Amino acid sequence: MKKGKTKIIINVILTISIILIGINTYAHSGRTDSSGGHKDNKNKSGLGSYHYHCGGNPAHLHTNGSCPYSSNSKSSGTGSSTKSTKNSTPSSSSTTKSGTTQATKTTTEAPKTVIATGIQINENIESLEAGKSQTLTATITPSDTTDKNITWKSSDDSIATVSSTGEIMAKKAGTVEITANTSNGKTNTIKINIKETPKKESNTTNTIKTSADQNSNNTNNTSTNNQEESNPIGGIITLGLLGGGGYWGYKKLKNKGEK
């Protein structure tokens, strides 16, 4: 009786084993490779034509070559994430490892500030006439200075003033200094001599001179006209005298001849 039961149990076990072997062979055709992977030509697992059973775990895939059931998979995943973050972050980063984990510290660099090392007024004006204006310009070095603001100053506003844009307005005679300043205290100064405006000649003098010249011209013209008018009369008188003298001489000669 016991032997019969034993045979039945053995037969059941063998039958189940044969069925399982057949199913396994159907689902995983071919040999298991060195990585523990199996082919699944019919995609019974729903994971594609190839999957793994690492450590007896359910069928799974090794994404990026890493087993999700492995104790190193989390560290590997963290490392990949860290690498991706480092490549995609434009700012500088430093990486610190602690055991199997990896942390990323990201810092952002502050914009570089370039300060002025000098300033030079471009125009060289030695003198300027009162009432006139002139605009100055200045160049800051180096050319990539961050703050290029320029302020202008006059040493004496009563002689000449200067605007925020560098325009000088001369007021009266004298010497004045015009200074250009950078925001960090660099300066350049030029000295300008302001001259008085030249005076014009008096209109009264010109009028008197013009009147005198005109009167002189009128006198000369009158004298010339009188001479021109007197010349014909003198000629007539001369002719009359000559004619009368000739006639008188003729009469005298005739009277002598009759005697």
Foldseek 3Di string as FASTA:
>chain_A
DVVVVVVVVVVVVVVVVVVVVVVVCQQFPDDQDPVQKGAGCVCPVVPPGMFHCPPNRPTDHAVVNHDPPDPLRVLVVQVVVVVVVCVPDPFDWDWDDDPSHIDIDGDHDDDDAAAWPAKAKPDAAAEDEAQDKDAIDMDTPPPVHPFPQKAKAKPDVCQWGADSRRMIHGHAFDKMKMKIAGPVGHIDIHIYTYYYDDDDDDPVVVVVVVVVVVVVVVVVVVVVVVVVVVVVVVVVVVVVVVVVVVVVVVVVVVVVVVD
